[in-house]
Amino acid sequence: MKEIRPSTHPGVILKLEFAEPLGLTQARMAEDLSVGIKTLSELYNQKRGISAVMALKLSEYFGTTPQFWMTLQDNFDLYQAYKQEYTSIQKIKKLQVA
């Protein structure tokens, strides 16, 4: 199996690439996005993932696409599964097609 590249949690991207450069506090973002401040704190601290609804909200807020946020989450989830299941995945024999 090809090695999967490590992925950064989307909450880290949200914090470091969007909120901090724009001077946005968690309180302001929570209010603007109509979510609880705990939600943003959990995202920042990698205790929560980006849901489809959050992806829609963030895309509207920052002028991105929901796919951008969902792809970040998918890549992170895939890498976590790869790390966790690496040994069992390595045991799988590749299909041999004649």
C-alpha atoms as a PDB file:
ATOM      1  CA  MET A   1       0.000   0.000   0.000  1.00  0.00           C
ATOM      2  CA  LYS A   2       1.176   3.472  -0.823  1.00  0.00           C
ATOM      3  CA  GLU A   3       1.872   5.572   2.230  1.00  0.00           C
ATOM      4  CA  ILE A   4      -0.738   8.219   2.929  1.00  0.00           C
ATOM      5  CA  ARG A   5       0.557  11.709   3.564  1.00  0.00           C
ATOM      6  CA  PRO A   6      -0.088  13.090   7.055  1.00  0.00           C
ATOM      7  CA  SER A   7      -2.961  15.539   7.141  1.00  0.00           C
ATOM      8  CA  THR A   8      -3.540  18.549   9.343  1.00  0.00           C
ATOM      9  CA  HIS A   9      -6.803  18.681  11.260  1.00  0.00           C
ATOM     10  CA  PRO A  10      -9.222  21.170   9.641  1.00  0.00           C
ATOM     11  CA  GLY A  11      -9.656  22.956  12.976  1.00  0.00           C
ATOM     12  CA  VAL A  12      -5.960  23.828  12.937  1.00  0.00           C
ATOM     13  CA  ILE A  13      -6.335  25.201   9.399  1.00  0.00           C
ATOM     14  CA  LEU A  14      -9.390  27.188  10.490  1.00  0.00           C
ATOM     15  CA  LYS A  15      -7.498  28.707  13.390  1.00  0.00           C
ATOM     16  CA  LEU A  16      -4.064  29.324  11.842  1.00  0.00           C
ATOM     17  CA  GLU A  17      -4.962  30.132   8.234  1.00  0.00           C
ATOM     18  CA  PHE A  18      -8.276  31.946   8.663  1.00  0.00           C
ATOM     19  CA  ALA A  19      -9.186  33.138  12.155  1.00  0.00           C
ATOM     20  CA  GLU A  20      -5.821  34.331  13.452  1.00  0.00           C
ATOM     21  CA  PRO A  21      -4.710  36.220  10.312  1.00  0.00           C
ATOM     22  CA  LEU A  22      -8.094  37.965  10.226  1.00  0.00           C
ATOM     23  CA  GLY A  23      -8.047  38.735  13.954  1.00  0.00           C
ATOM     24  CA  LEU A  24     -11.230  36.742  14.575  1.00  0.00           C
ATOM     25  CA  THR A  25     -11.926  35.596  18.102  1.00  0.00           C
ATOM     26  CA  GLN A  26     -13.787  32.400  18.852  1.00  0.00           C
ATOM     27  CA  ALA A  27     -16.564  34.494  20.402  1.00  0.00           C
ATOM     28  CA  ARG A  28     -17.066  36.560  17.250  1.00  0.00           C
ATOM     29  CA  MET A  29     -16.941  33.555  14.940  1.00  0.00           C
ATOM     30  CA  ALA A  30     -19.360  31.640  17.150  1.00  0.00           C
ATOM     31  CA  GLU A  31     -21.805  34.532  17.022  1.00  0.00           C
ATOM     32  CA  ASP A  32     -21.371  35.124  13.286  1.00  0.00           C
ATOM     33  CA  LEU A  33     -21.773  31.410  12.487  1.00  0.00           C
ATOM     34  CA  SER A  34     -24.598  30.827  14.995  1.00  0.00           C
ATOM     35  CA  VAL A  35     -22.707  28.050  16.769  1.00  0.00           C
ATOM     36  CA  GLY A  36     -21.588  27.610  20.337  1.00  0.00           C
ATOM     37  CA  ILE A  37     -18.149  28.782  21.347  1.00  0.00           C
ATOM     38  CA  LYS A  38     -17.543  25.229  22.614  1.00  0.00           C
ATOM     39  CA  THR A  39     -17.974  24.007  19.027  1.00  0.00           C
ATOM     40  CA  LEU A  40     -15.153  26.240  17.794  1.00  0.00           C
ATOM     41  CA  SER A  41     -12.959  25.415  20.765  1.00  0.00           C
ATOM     42  CA  GLU A  42     -13.388  21.704  20.072  1.00  0.00           C
ATOM     43  CA  LEU A  43     -12.567  22.265  16.388  1.00  0.00           C
ATOM     44  CA  TYR A  44      -9.435  24.241  17.246  1.00  0.00           C
ATOM     45  CA  ASN A  45      -8.352  21.532  19.704  1.00  0.00           C
ATOM     46  CA  GLN A  46      -8.992  18.648  17.290  1.00  0.00           C
ATOM     47  CA  LYS A  47     -11.774  17.189  19.425  1.00  0.00           C
ATOM     48  CA  ARG A  48     -14.435  17.698  16.779  1.00  0.00           C
ATOM     49  CA  GLY A  49     -14.490  17.358  13.031  1.00  0.00           C
ATOM     50  CA  ILE A  50     -16.015  19.540  10.343  1.00  0.00           C
ATOM     51  CA  SER A  51     -19.605  18.477   9.711  1.00  0.00           C
ATOM     52  CA  ALA A  52     -21.395  19.094   6.435  1.00  0.00           C
ATOM     53  CA  VAL A  53     -23.382  21.907   8.070  1.00  0.00           C
ATOM     54  CA  MET A  54     -20.222  23.512   9.451  1.00  0.00           C
ATOM     55  CA  ALA A  55     -18.595  23.215   6.020  1.00  0.00           C
ATOM     56  CA  LEU A  56     -21.544  25.103   4.527  1.00  0.00           C
ATOM     57  CA  LYS A  57     -21.351  27.792   7.216  1.00  0.00           C
ATOM     58  CA  LEU A  58     -17.579  28.232   6.920  1.00  0.00           C
ATOM     59  CA  SER A  59     -17.720  28.381   3.138  1.00  0.00           C
ATOM     60  CA  GLU A  60     -20.343  31.114   3.256  1.00  0.00           C
ATOM     61  CA  TYR A  61     -18.430  33.007   5.940  1.00  0.00           C
ATOM     62  CA  PHE A  62     -14.998  32.890   4.336  1.00  0.00           C
ATOM     63  CA  GLY A  63     -15.959  32.768   0.651  1.00  0.00           C
ATOM     64  CA  THR A  64     -14.580  29.271   0.150  1.00  0.00           C
ATOM     65  CA  THR A  65     -16.404  26.150  -0.974  1.00  0.00           C
ATOM     66  CA  PRO A  66     -17.947  23.537   1.304  1.00  0.00           C
ATOM     67  CA  GLN A  67     -15.858  20.983  -0.584  1.00  0.00           C
ATOM     68  CA  PHE A  68     -12.698  22.711   0.645  1.00  0.00           C
ATOM     69  CA  TRP A  69     -13.656  22.080   4.273  1.00  0.00           C
ATOM     70  CA  MET A  70     -14.995  18.580   3.667  1.00  0.00           C
ATOM     71  CA  THR A  71     -11.838  17.602   1.767  1.00  0.00           C
ATOM     72  CA  LEU A  72      -9.705  18.771   4.689  1.00  0.00           C
ATOM     73  CA  GLN A  73     -11.820  16.616   7.007  1.00  0.00           C
ATOM     74  CA  ASP A  74     -11.806  13.618   4.650  1.00  0.00           C
ATOM     75  CA  ASN A  75      -8.020  13.766   4.280  1.00  0.00           C
ATOM     76  CA  PHE A  76      -7.572  13.971   8.040  1.00  0.00           C
ATOM     77  CA  ASP A  77      -9.976  11.071   8.677  1.00  0.00           C
ATOM     78  CA  LEU A  78      -8.324   8.927   6.019  1.00  0.00           C
ATOM     79  CA  TYR A  79      -4.887   9.476   7.517  1.00  0.00           C
ATOM     80  CA  GLN A  80      -6.125   8.651  11.014  1.00  0.00           C
ATOM     81  CA  ALA A  81      -7.663   5.404   9.742  1.00  0.00           C
ATOM     82  CA  TYR A  82      -4.448   4.602   7.859  1.00  0.00           C
ATOM     83  CA  LYS A  83      -2.372   5.029  11.022  1.00  0.00           C
ATOM     84  CA  GLN A  84      -4.764   2.963  13.097  1.00  0.00           C
ATOM     85  CA  GLU A  85      -5.232   0.128  10.601  1.00  0.00           C
ATOM     86  CA  TYR A  86      -1.794   0.089   8.933  1.00  0.00           C
ATOM     87  CA  THR A  87      -0.817  -3.402  10.144  1.00  0.00           C
ATOM     88  CA  SER A  88      -4.066  -5.063   9.096  1.00  0.00           C
ATOM     89  CA  ILE A  89      -4.068  -3.275   5.738  1.00  0.00           C
ATOM     90  CA  GLN A  90      -0.536  -4.479   5.020  1.00  0.00           C
ATOM     91  CA  LYS A  91      -1.717  -8.074   5.415  1.00  0.00           C
ATOM     92  CA  ILE A  92      -4.219  -7.779   2.562  1.00  0.00           C
ATOM     93  CA  LYS A  93      -3.089  -9.587  -0.572  1.00  0.00           C
ATOM     94  CA  LYS A  94      -3.476  -7.568  -3.732  1.00  0.00           C
ATOM     95  CA  LEU A  95      -5.994  -8.870  -6.231  1.00  0.00           C
ATOM     96  CA  GLN A  96      -4.242 -10.624  -9.101  1.00  0.00           C
ATOM     97  CA  VAL A  97      -6.191 -10.239 -12.334  1.00  0.00           C
ATOM     98  CA  ALA A  98      -5.217 -12.493 -15.198  1.00  0.00           C
END
